[in-house]
N, C-alpha and C. Protein backbone atom coordinates (compact mmCIF):
# COMPACT_ATOMS: atom_id res chain seq x y z
N UNK A 1 -28.55 -5.61 -17.20
CA UNK A 1 -28.63 -7.04 -17.47
C UNK A 1 -29.79 -7.63 -16.69
N UNK A 2 -30.92 -7.84 -17.39
CA UNK A 2 -32.11 -8.42 -16.77
C UNK A 2 -32.47 -7.74 -15.46
N UNK A 3 -32.39 -6.41 -15.49
CA UNK A 3 -32.78 -5.64 -14.31
C UNK A 3 -31.69 -5.47 -13.28
N UNK A 4 -30.52 -6.12 -13.47
CA UNK A 4 -29.42 -5.97 -12.53
C UNK A 4 -28.34 -5.08 -13.14
N UNK A 5 -27.48 -4.55 -12.29
CA UNK A 5 -26.44 -3.63 -12.74
C UNK A 5 -25.08 -4.31 -12.64
N UNK A 6 -24.29 -4.23 -13.71
CA UNK A 6 -22.95 -4.80 -13.73
C UNK A 6 -21.94 -3.68 -13.52
N UNK A 7 -21.19 -3.76 -12.45
CA UNK A 7 -20.22 -2.74 -12.11
C UNK A 7 -18.82 -3.25 -12.45
N UNK A 8 -18.22 -2.68 -13.51
CA UNK A 8 -16.92 -3.16 -13.97
C UNK A 8 -15.79 -2.49 -13.20
N UNK A 9 -15.90 -1.18 -12.99
CA UNK A 9 -14.92 -0.43 -12.21
C UNK A 9 -15.66 0.33 -11.12
N UNK A 10 -15.03 0.48 -9.96
CA UNK A 10 -15.69 1.20 -8.88
C UNK A 10 -14.65 1.88 -7.98
N UNK A 11 -14.96 3.10 -7.60
CA UNK A 11 -14.12 3.82 -6.66
C UNK A 11 -12.72 4.10 -7.15
N UNK A 12 -12.54 4.25 -8.45
CA UNK A 12 -11.21 4.51 -8.99
C UNK A 12 -10.84 5.98 -8.76
N UNK A 13 -9.72 6.21 -8.08
CA UNK A 13 -9.20 7.56 -7.85
C UNK A 13 -7.72 7.52 -8.19
N UNK A 14 -7.36 8.11 -9.32
CA UNK A 14 -6.02 7.92 -9.87
C UNK A 14 -5.49 9.22 -10.45
N UNK A 15 -4.25 9.54 -10.11
CA UNK A 15 -3.56 10.70 -10.69
C UNK A 15 -2.27 10.24 -11.33
N UNK A 16 -2.09 10.60 -12.59
CA UNK A 16 -0.88 10.23 -13.34
C UNK A 16 -0.10 11.51 -13.63
N UNK A 17 1.15 11.54 -13.23
CA UNK A 17 1.96 12.75 -13.41
C UNK A 17 2.48 12.83 -14.85
N UNK A 18 2.61 14.07 -15.32
CA UNK A 18 3.11 14.29 -16.68
C UNK A 18 4.51 13.67 -16.84
N UNK A 19 4.68 12.89 -17.91
CA UNK A 19 5.99 12.33 -18.23
C UNK A 19 6.34 11.04 -17.52
N UNK A 20 5.51 10.58 -16.57
CA UNK A 20 5.85 9.36 -15.86
C UNK A 20 5.31 8.13 -16.59
N UNK A 21 5.78 6.96 -16.16
CA UNK A 21 5.30 5.69 -16.72
C UNK A 21 4.49 4.96 -15.66
N UNK A 22 3.31 4.47 -16.05
CA UNK A 22 2.40 3.78 -15.15
C UNK A 22 2.08 2.40 -15.68
N UNK A 23 2.17 1.40 -14.83
CA UNK A 23 1.75 0.04 -15.17
C UNK A 23 0.44 -0.27 -14.47
N UNK A 24 -0.53 -0.77 -15.23
CA UNK A 24 -1.80 -1.24 -14.67
C UNK A 24 -1.77 -2.76 -14.74
N UNK A 25 -1.79 -3.41 -13.57
CA UNK A 25 -1.68 -4.87 -13.52
C UNK A 25 -2.87 -5.45 -12.76
N UNK A 26 -3.03 -6.76 -12.90
CA UNK A 26 -4.14 -7.44 -12.25
C UNK A 26 -4.53 -8.66 -13.05
N UNK A 27 -5.31 -9.53 -12.44
CA UNK A 27 -5.75 -10.76 -13.11
C UNK A 27 -6.69 -10.44 -14.27
N UNK A 28 -6.85 -11.39 -15.17
CA UNK A 28 -7.80 -11.24 -16.27
C UNK A 28 -9.20 -10.99 -15.70
N UNK A 29 -9.91 -10.02 -16.28
CA UNK A 29 -11.25 -9.71 -15.82
C UNK A 29 -11.30 -8.71 -14.68
N UNK A 30 -10.11 -8.16 -14.29
CA UNK A 30 -10.08 -7.23 -13.17
C UNK A 30 -10.47 -5.81 -13.58
N UNK A 31 -10.55 -5.55 -14.90
CA UNK A 31 -10.96 -4.22 -15.37
C UNK A 31 -9.85 -3.40 -15.98
N UNK A 32 -8.69 -4.00 -16.23
CA UNK A 32 -7.53 -3.26 -16.73
C UNK A 32 -7.81 -2.59 -18.08
N UNK A 33 -8.27 -3.36 -19.06
CA UNK A 33 -8.50 -2.80 -20.39
C UNK A 33 -9.65 -1.81 -20.40
N UNK A 34 -10.65 -2.06 -19.56
CA UNK A 34 -11.76 -1.10 -19.45
C UNK A 34 -11.25 0.23 -18.91
N UNK A 35 -10.39 0.18 -17.89
CA UNK A 35 -9.82 1.41 -17.34
C UNK A 35 -8.98 2.13 -18.38
N UNK A 36 -8.20 1.37 -19.14
CA UNK A 36 -7.37 1.99 -20.17
C UNK A 36 -8.23 2.68 -21.22
N UNK A 37 -9.31 2.03 -21.63
CA UNK A 37 -10.22 2.63 -22.61
C UNK A 37 -10.86 3.91 -22.10
N UNK A 38 -11.21 3.95 -20.81
CA UNK A 38 -11.78 5.15 -20.21
C UNK A 38 -10.75 6.27 -20.13
N UNK A 39 -9.53 5.93 -19.72
CA UNK A 39 -8.48 6.94 -19.61
C UNK A 39 -8.15 7.55 -20.97
N UNK A 40 -8.24 6.74 -22.02
CA UNK A 40 -7.92 7.21 -23.37
C UNK A 40 -9.09 7.91 -24.05
N UNK A 41 -10.25 7.92 -23.41
CA UNK A 41 -11.41 8.56 -24.02
C UNK A 41 -12.06 7.73 -25.09
N UNK A 42 -11.74 6.43 -25.14
CA UNK A 42 -12.42 5.55 -26.09
C UNK A 42 -13.82 5.22 -25.62
N UNK A 43 -14.07 5.42 -24.33
CA UNK A 43 -15.38 5.26 -23.73
C UNK A 43 -15.50 6.28 -22.62
N UNK A 44 -16.69 6.48 -22.09
CA UNK A 44 -16.86 7.43 -21.00
C UNK A 44 -17.45 6.70 -19.79
N UNK A 45 -17.07 7.11 -18.58
CA UNK A 45 -17.58 6.44 -17.38
C UNK A 45 -19.04 6.79 -17.13
N UNK A 46 -19.77 5.90 -16.50
CA UNK A 46 -21.16 6.18 -16.15
C UNK A 46 -21.23 7.19 -15.00
N UNK A 47 -20.12 7.34 -14.28
CA UNK A 47 -20.06 8.32 -13.20
C UNK A 47 -18.60 8.72 -13.04
N UNK A 48 -18.36 9.96 -12.60
CA UNK A 48 -17.00 10.42 -12.41
C UNK A 48 -16.45 11.14 -13.63
N UNK A 49 -15.16 11.50 -13.58
CA UNK A 49 -14.55 12.27 -14.65
C UNK A 49 -13.18 11.72 -15.00
N UNK A 50 -12.79 11.93 -16.25
CA UNK A 50 -11.44 11.66 -16.72
C UNK A 50 -10.91 12.97 -17.30
N UNK A 51 -9.82 13.48 -16.72
CA UNK A 51 -9.27 14.77 -17.12
C UNK A 51 -7.83 14.58 -17.59
N UNK A 52 -7.53 15.06 -18.79
CA UNK A 52 -6.17 15.03 -19.34
C UNK A 52 -5.78 16.46 -19.69
N UNK A 53 -4.67 16.91 -19.15
CA UNK A 53 -4.19 18.27 -19.43
C UNK A 53 -5.26 19.33 -19.18
N UNK A 54 -6.07 19.11 -18.16
CA UNK A 54 -7.10 20.08 -17.82
C UNK A 54 -8.37 19.95 -18.63
N UNK A 55 -8.41 19.04 -19.60
CA UNK A 55 -9.60 18.85 -20.43
C UNK A 55 -10.40 17.66 -19.92
N UNK A 56 -11.68 17.88 -19.65
CA UNK A 56 -12.57 16.85 -19.11
C UNK A 56 -13.15 16.03 -20.27
N UNK A 57 -12.63 14.83 -20.47
CA UNK A 57 -13.10 13.99 -21.57
C UNK A 57 -14.56 13.60 -21.38
N UNK A 58 -14.97 13.50 -20.12
CA UNK A 58 -16.34 13.08 -19.83
C UNK A 58 -17.37 14.10 -20.29
N UNK A 59 -16.94 15.36 -20.46
CA UNK A 59 -17.86 16.42 -20.87
C UNK A 59 -17.89 16.59 -22.38
N UNK A 60 -17.09 15.81 -23.11
CA UNK A 60 -17.03 15.95 -24.57
C UNK A 60 -17.95 14.95 -25.24
N UNK A 61 -18.40 15.29 -26.46
CA UNK A 61 -19.13 14.32 -27.25
C UNK A 61 -18.12 13.45 -28.01
N UNK A 62 -18.61 12.48 -28.75
CA UNK A 62 -17.73 11.51 -29.41
C UNK A 62 -16.77 12.17 -30.39
N UNK A 63 -17.28 13.14 -31.18
CA UNK A 63 -16.43 13.82 -32.15
C UNK A 63 -15.36 14.65 -31.45
N UNK A 64 -15.71 15.30 -30.36
CA UNK A 64 -14.74 16.10 -29.62
C UNK A 64 -13.66 15.23 -29.01
N UNK A 65 -14.06 14.07 -28.49
CA UNK A 65 -13.06 13.16 -27.93
C UNK A 65 -12.14 12.63 -29.01
N UNK A 66 -12.68 12.33 -30.18
CA UNK A 66 -11.86 11.85 -31.29
C UNK A 66 -10.84 12.92 -31.70
N UNK A 67 -11.28 14.17 -31.75
CA UNK A 67 -10.38 15.26 -32.10
C UNK A 67 -9.29 15.42 -31.03
N UNK A 68 -9.70 15.30 -29.76
CA UNK A 68 -8.74 15.42 -28.67
C UNK A 68 -7.70 14.30 -28.74
N UNK A 69 -8.16 13.07 -28.99
CA UNK A 69 -7.22 11.95 -29.10
C UNK A 69 -6.24 12.17 -30.24
N UNK A 70 -6.74 12.69 -31.35
CA UNK A 70 -5.86 12.93 -32.49
C UNK A 70 -4.75 13.91 -32.18
N UNK A 71 -5.01 14.85 -31.29
CA UNK A 71 -4.03 15.89 -30.97
C UNK A 71 -3.13 15.53 -29.79
N UNK A 72 -3.64 14.71 -28.86
CA UNK A 72 -2.93 14.54 -27.59
C UNK A 72 -2.62 13.10 -27.19
N UNK A 73 -3.26 12.11 -27.84
CA UNK A 73 -3.21 10.74 -27.35
C UNK A 73 -2.65 9.79 -28.41
N UNK A 74 -1.79 8.85 -27.98
CA UNK A 74 -1.34 7.76 -28.82
C UNK A 74 -1.80 6.45 -28.23
N UNK A 75 -1.95 5.41 -29.06
CA UNK A 75 -2.42 4.11 -28.56
C UNK A 75 -1.68 2.99 -29.29
N UNK A 76 -1.16 2.04 -28.51
CA UNK A 76 -0.52 0.85 -29.07
C UNK A 76 -1.32 -0.36 -28.60
N UNK A 77 -1.80 -1.16 -29.56
CA UNK A 77 -2.65 -2.32 -29.26
C UNK A 77 -1.84 -3.61 -29.31
N UNK A 78 -2.28 -4.61 -28.57
CA UNK A 78 -1.64 -5.91 -28.59
C UNK A 78 -1.69 -6.51 -30.00
N UNK A 79 -2.79 -6.28 -30.70
CA UNK A 79 -2.98 -6.86 -32.04
C UNK A 79 -2.53 -5.93 -33.17
N UNK A 80 -1.76 -4.90 -32.82
CA UNK A 80 -1.10 -3.99 -33.75
C UNK A 80 -2.06 -2.99 -34.42
N UNK A 81 -3.20 -3.48 -34.94
CA UNK A 81 -4.22 -2.62 -35.55
C UNK A 81 -3.66 -1.77 -36.69
N UNK A 82 -2.82 -2.38 -37.52
CA UNK A 82 -2.35 -1.70 -38.73
C UNK A 82 -3.35 -1.94 -39.86
N UNK A 83 -3.45 -0.97 -40.76
CA UNK A 83 -4.34 -1.12 -41.91
C UNK A 83 -3.64 -1.95 -42.98
N UNK A 84 -4.17 -3.13 -43.34
CA UNK A 84 -3.45 -4.06 -44.21
C UNK A 84 -3.22 -3.54 -45.62
N UNK A 85 -4.05 -2.61 -46.09
CA UNK A 85 -3.91 -2.11 -47.46
C UNK A 85 -2.89 -0.98 -47.57
N UNK A 86 -2.33 -0.56 -46.42
CA UNK A 86 -1.34 0.52 -46.42
C UNK A 86 0.03 -0.03 -46.07
N UNK A 87 1.07 0.55 -46.65
CA UNK A 87 2.44 0.17 -46.30
C UNK A 87 2.76 0.64 -44.89
N UNK A 88 3.91 0.19 -44.38
CA UNK A 88 4.35 0.65 -43.06
C UNK A 88 4.42 2.17 -43.03
N UNK A 89 5.02 2.76 -44.05
CA UNK A 89 5.14 4.21 -44.12
C UNK A 89 3.77 4.89 -44.14
N UNK A 90 2.86 4.37 -44.93
CA UNK A 90 1.52 4.96 -45.03
C UNK A 90 0.75 4.82 -43.73
N UNK A 91 0.95 3.71 -43.01
CA UNK A 91 0.29 3.53 -41.71
C UNK A 91 0.75 4.59 -40.72
N UNK A 92 2.04 4.90 -40.73
CA UNK A 92 2.57 5.91 -39.81
C UNK A 92 2.17 7.32 -40.26
N UNK A 93 2.09 7.53 -41.55
CA UNK A 93 1.73 8.85 -42.08
C UNK A 93 0.27 9.21 -41.83
N UNK A 94 -0.60 8.20 -41.78
CA UNK A 94 -2.04 8.45 -41.77
C UNK A 94 -2.49 9.43 -40.68
N UNK A 95 -2.16 9.21 -39.38
CA UNK A 95 -2.63 10.16 -38.36
C UNK A 95 -2.04 11.56 -38.54
N UNK A 96 -0.83 11.63 -39.10
CA UNK A 96 -0.21 12.93 -39.35
C UNK A 96 -0.95 13.67 -40.47
N UNK A 97 -1.34 12.92 -41.50
CA UNK A 97 -2.09 13.53 -42.60
C UNK A 97 -3.46 13.99 -42.13
N UNK A 98 -4.08 13.23 -41.22
CA UNK A 98 -5.37 13.63 -40.68
C UNK A 98 -5.26 14.92 -39.87
N UNK A 99 -4.07 15.17 -39.33
CA UNK A 99 -3.83 16.42 -38.61
C UNK A 99 -3.49 17.56 -39.56
N UNK A 100 -3.33 17.24 -40.84
CA UNK A 100 -2.99 18.28 -41.82
C UNK A 100 -1.52 18.64 -41.82
N UNK A 101 -0.66 17.73 -41.33
CA UNK A 101 0.76 18.02 -41.23
C UNK A 101 1.41 17.96 -42.62
N UNK A 102 2.11 19.02 -42.99
CA UNK A 102 2.79 19.07 -44.29
C UNK A 102 4.06 18.22 -44.28
N UNK A 103 4.55 17.88 -43.10
CA UNK A 103 5.78 17.09 -42.98
C UNK A 103 5.48 15.63 -42.64
N UNK A 104 4.28 15.15 -42.99
CA UNK A 104 3.87 13.81 -42.60
C UNK A 104 4.84 12.74 -43.08
N UNK A 105 5.24 12.80 -44.34
CA UNK A 105 6.15 11.78 -44.87
C UNK A 105 7.51 11.84 -44.18
N UNK A 106 8.05 13.02 -44.04
CA UNK A 106 9.36 13.20 -43.40
C UNK A 106 9.35 12.69 -41.95
N UNK A 107 8.28 13.05 -41.22
CA UNK A 107 8.17 12.62 -39.82
C UNK A 107 8.04 11.10 -39.73
N UNK A 108 7.21 10.52 -40.59
CA UNK A 108 7.00 9.07 -40.57
C UNK A 108 8.29 8.33 -40.93
N UNK A 109 8.98 8.79 -41.95
CA UNK A 109 10.23 8.15 -42.35
C UNK A 109 11.24 8.23 -41.21
N UNK A 110 11.29 9.36 -40.52
CA UNK A 110 12.22 9.53 -39.42
C UNK A 110 11.97 8.55 -38.30
N UNK A 111 10.71 8.35 -37.94
CA UNK A 111 10.39 7.42 -36.85
C UNK A 111 10.64 5.98 -37.26
N UNK A 112 10.35 5.62 -38.51
CA UNK A 112 10.61 4.25 -38.95
C UNK A 112 12.12 3.96 -38.96
N UNK A 113 12.93 4.94 -39.27
CA UNK A 113 14.37 4.76 -39.18
C UNK A 113 14.81 4.59 -37.73
N UNK A 114 14.17 5.33 -36.83
CA UNK A 114 14.53 5.24 -35.41
C UNK A 114 14.24 3.87 -34.83
N UNK A 115 13.24 3.18 -35.40
CA UNK A 115 12.92 1.82 -34.92
C UNK A 115 13.51 0.75 -35.84
N UNK A 116 14.50 1.18 -36.67
CA UNK A 116 15.25 0.27 -37.54
C UNK A 116 14.39 -0.42 -38.58
N UNK A 117 13.43 0.34 -39.13
CA UNK A 117 12.59 -0.19 -40.20
C UNK A 117 12.65 0.67 -41.46
N UNK A 118 13.71 1.47 -41.57
CA UNK A 118 13.84 2.34 -42.74
C UNK A 118 13.81 1.58 -44.05
N UNK A 119 14.40 0.38 -44.06
CA UNK A 119 14.45 -0.41 -45.29
C UNK A 119 13.19 -1.23 -45.52
N UNK A 120 12.26 -1.19 -44.54
CA UNK A 120 11.03 -1.98 -44.65
C UNK A 120 9.80 -1.09 -44.77
N UNK A 121 10.01 0.21 -44.97
CA UNK A 121 8.89 1.15 -44.91
C UNK A 121 7.87 0.98 -46.03
N UNK A 122 8.27 0.36 -47.12
CA UNK A 122 7.33 0.17 -48.23
C UNK A 122 6.71 -1.22 -48.24
N UNK A 123 6.92 -1.99 -47.19
CA UNK A 123 6.30 -3.31 -47.05
C UNK A 123 4.93 -3.17 -46.39
N UNK A 124 4.05 -4.11 -46.74
CA UNK A 124 2.71 -4.14 -46.14
C UNK A 124 2.75 -4.97 -44.84
N UNK A 125 1.79 -4.75 -43.95
CA UNK A 125 1.81 -5.47 -42.67
C UNK A 125 1.99 -6.98 -42.78
N UNK A 126 1.33 -7.62 -43.75
CA UNK A 126 1.44 -9.07 -43.89
C UNK A 126 2.84 -9.52 -44.32
N UNK A 127 3.65 -8.57 -44.80
CA UNK A 127 5.02 -8.88 -45.19
C UNK A 127 6.01 -8.66 -44.04
N UNK A 128 5.49 -8.26 -42.88
CA UNK A 128 6.32 -7.95 -41.72
C UNK A 128 6.09 -8.97 -40.61
N UNK A 129 7.11 -9.21 -39.80
CA UNK A 129 6.97 -10.09 -38.65
C UNK A 129 6.14 -9.38 -37.57
N UNK A 130 5.75 -10.13 -36.53
CA UNK A 130 4.98 -9.53 -35.44
C UNK A 130 5.73 -8.39 -34.77
N UNK A 131 7.03 -8.60 -34.53
CA UNK A 131 7.83 -7.56 -33.91
C UNK A 131 7.95 -6.32 -34.78
N UNK A 132 8.09 -6.54 -36.09
CA UNK A 132 8.17 -5.40 -37.02
C UNK A 132 6.84 -4.65 -37.07
N UNK A 133 5.73 -5.37 -37.07
CA UNK A 133 4.42 -4.72 -37.07
C UNK A 133 4.23 -3.88 -35.81
N UNK A 134 4.68 -4.41 -34.66
CA UNK A 134 4.54 -3.64 -33.42
C UNK A 134 5.43 -2.40 -33.44
N UNK A 135 6.59 -2.49 -34.08
CA UNK A 135 7.45 -1.31 -34.20
C UNK A 135 6.80 -0.26 -35.09
N UNK A 136 6.10 -0.69 -36.13
CA UNK A 136 5.36 0.25 -36.96
C UNK A 136 4.26 0.91 -36.13
N UNK A 137 3.55 0.10 -35.33
CA UNK A 137 2.48 0.64 -34.49
C UNK A 137 3.02 1.65 -33.48
N UNK A 138 4.19 1.37 -32.91
CA UNK A 138 4.80 2.30 -31.97
C UNK A 138 5.22 3.59 -32.68
N UNK A 139 5.78 3.45 -33.88
CA UNK A 139 6.14 4.64 -34.66
C UNK A 139 4.91 5.49 -34.94
N UNK A 140 3.82 4.84 -35.31
CA UNK A 140 2.57 5.56 -35.58
C UNK A 140 2.09 6.30 -34.33
N UNK A 141 2.18 5.63 -33.18
CA UNK A 141 1.69 6.23 -31.94
C UNK A 141 2.53 7.42 -31.51
N UNK A 142 3.84 7.33 -31.68
CA UNK A 142 4.73 8.41 -31.23
C UNK A 142 4.90 9.52 -32.26
N UNK A 143 4.63 9.25 -33.53
CA UNK A 143 4.96 10.19 -34.60
C UNK A 143 4.24 11.53 -34.46
N UNK A 144 3.04 11.53 -33.90
CA UNK A 144 2.29 12.78 -33.76
C UNK A 144 2.60 13.50 -32.45
N UNK A 145 3.66 13.06 -31.75
CA UNK A 145 4.10 13.67 -30.49
C UNK A 145 2.97 13.79 -29.48
N UNK A 146 2.35 12.67 -29.09
CA UNK A 146 1.24 12.73 -28.14
C UNK A 146 1.73 13.12 -26.75
N UNK A 147 0.84 13.72 -25.98
CA UNK A 147 1.16 14.04 -24.59
C UNK A 147 1.16 12.77 -23.74
N UNK A 148 0.30 11.82 -24.11
CA UNK A 148 0.16 10.59 -23.33
C UNK A 148 -0.05 9.41 -24.29
N UNK A 149 0.62 8.31 -23.99
CA UNK A 149 0.50 7.13 -24.84
C UNK A 149 0.00 5.96 -24.00
N UNK A 150 -1.03 5.29 -24.50
CA UNK A 150 -1.62 4.13 -23.84
C UNK A 150 -1.23 2.87 -24.63
N UNK A 151 -0.84 1.83 -23.90
CA UNK A 151 -0.46 0.57 -24.55
C UNK A 151 -1.15 -0.59 -23.85
N UNK A 152 -1.90 -1.37 -24.60
CA UNK A 152 -2.65 -2.50 -24.05
C UNK A 152 -1.93 -3.80 -24.39
N UNK A 153 -1.23 -4.37 -23.43
CA UNK A 153 -0.46 -5.61 -23.61
C UNK A 153 0.41 -5.53 -24.87
N UNK A 154 1.31 -4.53 -24.95
CA UNK A 154 2.07 -4.30 -26.19
C UNK A 154 3.01 -5.43 -26.57
N UNK A 155 3.34 -6.34 -25.64
CA UNK A 155 4.23 -7.45 -25.96
C UNK A 155 3.51 -8.80 -25.92
N UNK A 156 2.18 -8.76 -25.80
CA UNK A 156 1.41 -9.98 -25.59
C UNK A 156 1.48 -10.98 -26.73
N UNK A 157 1.68 -10.51 -27.97
CA UNK A 157 1.72 -11.42 -29.12
C UNK A 157 3.14 -11.67 -29.62
N UNK A 158 4.14 -11.35 -28.79
CA UNK A 158 5.52 -11.43 -29.24
C UNK A 158 6.32 -12.42 -28.39
N UNK A 159 7.37 -13.00 -29.01
CA UNK A 159 8.25 -13.88 -28.24
C UNK A 159 9.07 -13.04 -27.26
N UNK A 160 9.75 -13.70 -26.33
CA UNK A 160 10.45 -13.01 -25.25
C UNK A 160 11.51 -12.04 -25.77
N UNK A 161 12.31 -12.48 -26.72
CA UNK A 161 13.39 -11.62 -27.25
C UNK A 161 12.82 -10.39 -27.95
N UNK A 162 11.84 -10.61 -28.82
CA UNK A 162 11.23 -9.50 -29.54
C UNK A 162 10.49 -8.58 -28.58
N UNK A 163 9.81 -9.19 -27.59
CA UNK A 163 9.09 -8.39 -26.60
C UNK A 163 10.02 -7.48 -25.82
N UNK A 164 11.22 -7.97 -25.48
CA UNK A 164 12.17 -7.14 -24.75
C UNK A 164 12.62 -5.96 -25.60
N UNK A 165 12.80 -6.18 -26.89
CA UNK A 165 13.18 -5.09 -27.79
C UNK A 165 12.08 -4.02 -27.83
N UNK A 166 10.83 -4.46 -27.87
CA UNK A 166 9.71 -3.54 -27.89
C UNK A 166 9.64 -2.75 -26.58
N UNK A 167 9.88 -3.43 -25.45
CA UNK A 167 9.89 -2.76 -24.15
C UNK A 167 10.97 -1.66 -24.13
N UNK A 168 12.17 -2.04 -24.57
CA UNK A 168 13.27 -1.07 -24.59
C UNK A 168 12.91 0.13 -25.45
N UNK A 169 12.28 -0.13 -26.58
CA UNK A 169 11.92 0.94 -27.51
C UNK A 169 10.87 1.87 -26.89
N UNK A 170 9.86 1.30 -26.24
CA UNK A 170 8.82 2.12 -25.62
C UNK A 170 9.41 3.07 -24.58
N UNK A 171 10.29 2.57 -23.73
CA UNK A 171 10.84 3.40 -22.68
C UNK A 171 11.88 4.39 -23.21
N UNK A 172 12.58 4.00 -24.27
CA UNK A 172 13.52 4.92 -24.90
C UNK A 172 12.79 6.12 -25.48
N UNK A 173 11.71 5.86 -26.20
CA UNK A 173 10.93 6.95 -26.80
C UNK A 173 10.20 7.75 -25.72
N UNK A 174 9.74 7.06 -24.68
CA UNK A 174 9.10 7.74 -23.56
C UNK A 174 10.04 8.77 -22.95
N UNK A 175 11.30 8.39 -22.79
CA UNK A 175 12.29 9.29 -22.20
C UNK A 175 12.66 10.41 -23.16
N UNK A 176 12.87 10.07 -24.43
CA UNK A 176 13.29 11.06 -25.41
C UNK A 176 12.20 12.08 -25.69
N UNK A 177 10.96 11.62 -25.78
CA UNK A 177 9.87 12.50 -26.17
C UNK A 177 9.17 13.13 -24.97
N UNK A 178 9.46 12.64 -23.75
CA UNK A 178 8.78 13.18 -22.56
C UNK A 178 7.31 12.82 -22.52
N UNK A 179 6.94 11.73 -23.18
CA UNK A 179 5.55 11.31 -23.27
C UNK A 179 5.13 10.51 -22.04
N UNK A 180 4.00 10.82 -21.46
CA UNK A 180 3.44 10.02 -20.37
C UNK A 180 3.07 8.66 -20.94
N UNK A 181 3.46 7.59 -20.24
CA UNK A 181 3.27 6.23 -20.75
C UNK A 181 2.42 5.43 -19.77
N UNK A 182 1.28 4.90 -20.27
CA UNK A 182 0.36 4.11 -19.44
C UNK A 182 0.21 2.74 -20.08
N UNK A 183 0.60 1.70 -19.34
CA UNK A 183 0.64 0.34 -19.88
C UNK A 183 -0.28 -0.59 -19.11
N UNK A 184 -1.02 -1.43 -19.83
CA UNK A 184 -1.69 -2.59 -19.23
C UNK A 184 -0.82 -3.79 -19.56
N UNK A 185 -0.46 -4.56 -18.54
CA UNK A 185 0.42 -5.69 -18.81
C UNK A 185 0.24 -6.80 -17.78
N UNK A 186 0.51 -8.03 -18.21
CA UNK A 186 0.60 -9.17 -17.31
C UNK A 186 2.07 -9.48 -16.99
N UNK A 187 2.99 -8.80 -17.69
CA UNK A 187 4.40 -9.14 -17.58
C UNK A 187 5.07 -8.37 -16.45
N UNK A 188 5.61 -9.11 -15.50
CA UNK A 188 6.26 -8.49 -14.34
C UNK A 188 7.48 -7.66 -14.75
N UNK A 189 8.22 -8.15 -15.75
CA UNK A 189 9.43 -7.43 -16.17
C UNK A 189 9.08 -6.06 -16.74
N UNK A 190 7.95 -5.97 -17.43
CA UNK A 190 7.52 -4.70 -17.99
C UNK A 190 6.98 -3.78 -16.89
N UNK A 191 6.14 -4.31 -16.03
CA UNK A 191 5.59 -3.51 -14.94
C UNK A 191 6.69 -2.97 -14.03
N UNK A 192 7.75 -3.79 -13.83
CA UNK A 192 8.83 -3.39 -12.93
C UNK A 192 9.64 -2.22 -13.44
N UNK A 193 9.55 -1.90 -14.72
CA UNK A 193 10.29 -0.77 -15.27
C UNK A 193 9.56 0.56 -15.08
N UNK A 194 8.29 0.49 -14.73
CA UNK A 194 7.47 1.71 -14.62
C UNK A 194 7.69 2.41 -13.28
N UNK A 195 7.57 3.72 -13.30
CA UNK A 195 7.74 4.54 -12.09
C UNK A 195 6.54 4.44 -11.15
N UNK A 196 5.39 4.12 -11.70
CA UNK A 196 4.13 4.12 -10.95
C UNK A 196 3.39 2.84 -11.31
N UNK A 197 2.79 2.21 -10.33
CA UNK A 197 2.13 0.93 -10.57
C UNK A 197 0.85 0.83 -9.75
N UNK A 198 -0.23 0.39 -10.39
CA UNK A 198 -1.45 0.10 -9.65
C UNK A 198 -1.89 -1.32 -9.97
N UNK A 199 -2.49 -1.96 -8.98
CA UNK A 199 -3.02 -3.31 -9.15
C UNK A 199 -4.53 -3.27 -8.99
N UNK A 200 -5.24 -3.82 -9.98
CA UNK A 200 -6.69 -3.89 -9.94
C UNK A 200 -7.15 -5.28 -9.52
N UNK A 201 -8.24 -5.31 -8.77
CA UNK A 201 -8.89 -6.58 -8.44
C UNK A 201 -10.39 -6.32 -8.36
N UNK A 202 -11.15 -7.03 -9.18
CA UNK A 202 -12.61 -6.88 -9.21
C UNK A 202 -13.03 -5.43 -9.41
N UNK A 203 -12.28 -4.72 -10.25
CA UNK A 203 -12.67 -3.36 -10.62
C UNK A 203 -12.22 -2.26 -9.68
N UNK A 204 -11.45 -2.60 -8.65
CA UNK A 204 -10.98 -1.59 -7.70
C UNK A 204 -9.46 -1.62 -7.61
N UNK A 205 -8.87 -0.47 -7.28
CA UNK A 205 -7.43 -0.42 -7.05
C UNK A 205 -7.15 -0.98 -5.65
N UNK A 206 -6.40 -2.08 -5.59
CA UNK A 206 -6.11 -2.71 -4.29
C UNK A 206 -4.71 -2.39 -3.80
N UNK A 207 -3.84 -1.88 -4.69
CA UNK A 207 -2.54 -1.41 -4.24
C UNK A 207 -2.01 -0.41 -5.26
N UNK A 208 -1.19 0.51 -4.76
CA UNK A 208 -0.59 1.55 -5.61
C UNK A 208 0.77 1.89 -5.05
N UNK A 209 1.75 2.01 -5.93
CA UNK A 209 3.12 2.31 -5.49
C UNK A 209 3.85 3.12 -6.54
N UNK A 210 4.73 3.98 -6.07
CA UNK A 210 5.63 4.72 -6.96
C UNK A 210 7.06 4.37 -6.63
N UNK A 211 7.87 4.27 -7.68
CA UNK A 211 9.28 3.91 -7.47
C UNK A 211 10.03 5.07 -6.83
């Protein structure tokens, strides 16, 4: 930037244990979403490494990272990120079909039933409430059995009651599937449920605790 360097994250040293839940908290602009994107391999750090299951994402090219994410990583966005031209069922099936799974429909139907959307599976996103869309997004993220799931403010666009249902669902599936869960959140109630918590301030970890 005009000859100056903008440092978004600095000195991050973080280890996440397999199967645990981690909350990343901090004020707006502290670097939470940037860290989440780096951990998920959506971007690469200018220095340092990100390693998942022994695989160094920083050493991969964009296509390799995309392939790795498809096999090992799930992502739940605050804005749901469902494809509007596809039904709920088709949205959940899509990543499974990209993996070449012959049981894509069966797996997708099973997850939609688990989140109580079996009767809504043929509806399009615009025909679903915010909470229902987020349940579809969670089904899509978990359906491919990822090793690690990243969620960026998963309850940010939902009312308190619906948000609590989504929280319960995330942790229920986390426990059942043994999936590592990494959350960015402003909500204390959500962060308090996690086994591991870090607080960011100005791009650095200023506190870290495990339950």
